[in-house]
């Protein structure tokens, strides 16, 4: 199981995650990235848990402000 955490308040809306991994990421109307299947957690972060990481590691690696974290459980 892998946990993906998005610190949305740090997002600058570059769109790299949505371009690399459109199945899980999109740009919202406010210009910031949105985790499509994410759940709002404490502290304003969004989280999701996946069995298969798919393209999320590439999205995290491409983020210029490193606001996407991939944590293997």
Protein backbone atom coordinates (compact mmCIF):
# COMPACT_ATOMS: atom_id res chain seq x y z
CA UNK A 1 0.00 0.00 0.00
CA UNK A 2 1.22 3.49 -0.86
CA UNK A 3 0.03 6.79 0.58
CA UNK A 4 0.14 9.92 -1.58
CA UNK A 5 0.04 13.27 0.24
CA UNK A 6 -0.51 16.59 -1.53
CA UNK A 7 0.33 19.77 0.35
CA UNK A 8 -2.01 21.84 -1.80
CA UNK A 9 -1.26 25.16 -0.11
CA UNK A 10 2.34 24.89 -1.39
CA UNK A 11 1.25 24.14 -4.97
CA UNK A 12 2.21 26.76 -7.58
CA UNK A 13 0.03 25.27 -10.32
CA UNK A 14 2.79 24.41 -12.80
CA UNK A 15 0.70 21.48 -14.10
CA UNK A 16 3.53 18.93 -14.26
CA UNK A 17 1.61 16.38 -12.17
CA UNK A 18 -1.53 16.69 -14.30
CA UNK A 19 0.50 16.39 -17.48
CA UNK A 20 2.43 13.31 -16.31
CA UNK A 21 -0.36 11.58 -14.40
CA UNK A 22 -3.79 12.78 -15.62
CA UNK A 23 -5.55 9.72 -14.18
CA UNK A 24 -4.95 11.06 -10.66
CA UNK A 25 -4.19 14.80 -11.09
CA UNK A 26 -5.95 17.79 -12.62
CA UNK A 27 -5.68 21.57 -12.46
CA UNK A 28 -8.63 23.22 -10.73
CA UNK A 29 -10.24 26.57 -11.41
CA UNK A 30 -8.02 28.29 -8.82
CA UNK A 31 -4.94 27.26 -10.83
CA UNK A 32 -3.65 24.69 -8.34
CA UNK A 33 -3.34 20.95 -8.79
CA UNK A 34 -6.07 18.72 -7.44
CA UNK A 35 -5.73 15.08 -6.47
CA UNK A 36 -8.78 13.57 -8.19
CA UNK A 37 -9.30 10.78 -5.64
CA UNK A 38 -7.87 12.63 -2.65
CA UNK A 39 -9.53 13.12 0.70
CA UNK A 40 -9.01 16.31 2.69
CA UNK A 41 -7.08 15.51 5.86
CA UNK A 42 -6.01 17.49 8.90
CA UNK A 43 -3.84 20.48 8.13
CA UNK A 44 -5.33 21.11 4.70
CA UNK A 45 -3.45 18.33 2.93
CA UNK A 46 -5.09 15.85 0.59
CA UNK A 47 -4.34 12.14 0.81
CA UNK A 48 -5.10 8.90 -0.98
CA UNK A 49 -3.98 5.32 -0.53
CA UNK A 50 -3.27 3.06 -3.49
CA UNK A 51 -2.25 -0.55 -4.00
CA UNK A 52 -0.43 0.39 -7.21
CA UNK A 53 1.50 3.67 -7.28
CA UNK A 54 1.13 3.96 -11.09
CA UNK A 55 2.41 7.36 -12.33
CA UNK A 56 2.29 9.18 -8.98
CA UNK A 57 6.02 8.84 -8.23
CA UNK A 58 6.82 10.52 -11.56
CA UNK A 59 4.35 13.29 -10.73
CA UNK A 60 6.00 13.81 -7.35
CA UNK A 61 9.49 13.82 -8.87
CA UNK A 62 8.46 16.43 -11.46
CA UNK A 63 6.92 18.82 -8.92
CA UNK A 64 9.20 21.89 -8.68
CA UNK A 65 8.07 22.72 -5.13
CA UNK A 66 7.95 19.10 -3.91
CA UNK A 67 4.43 19.36 -2.53
CA UNK A 68 3.58 15.75 -3.49
CA UNK A 69 4.88 13.01 -1.20
CA UNK A 70 4.83 9.28 -1.89
CA UNK A 71 5.09 7.12 1.22
CA UNK A 72 5.42 3.35 0.93
CA UNK A 73 3.66 1.56 3.77
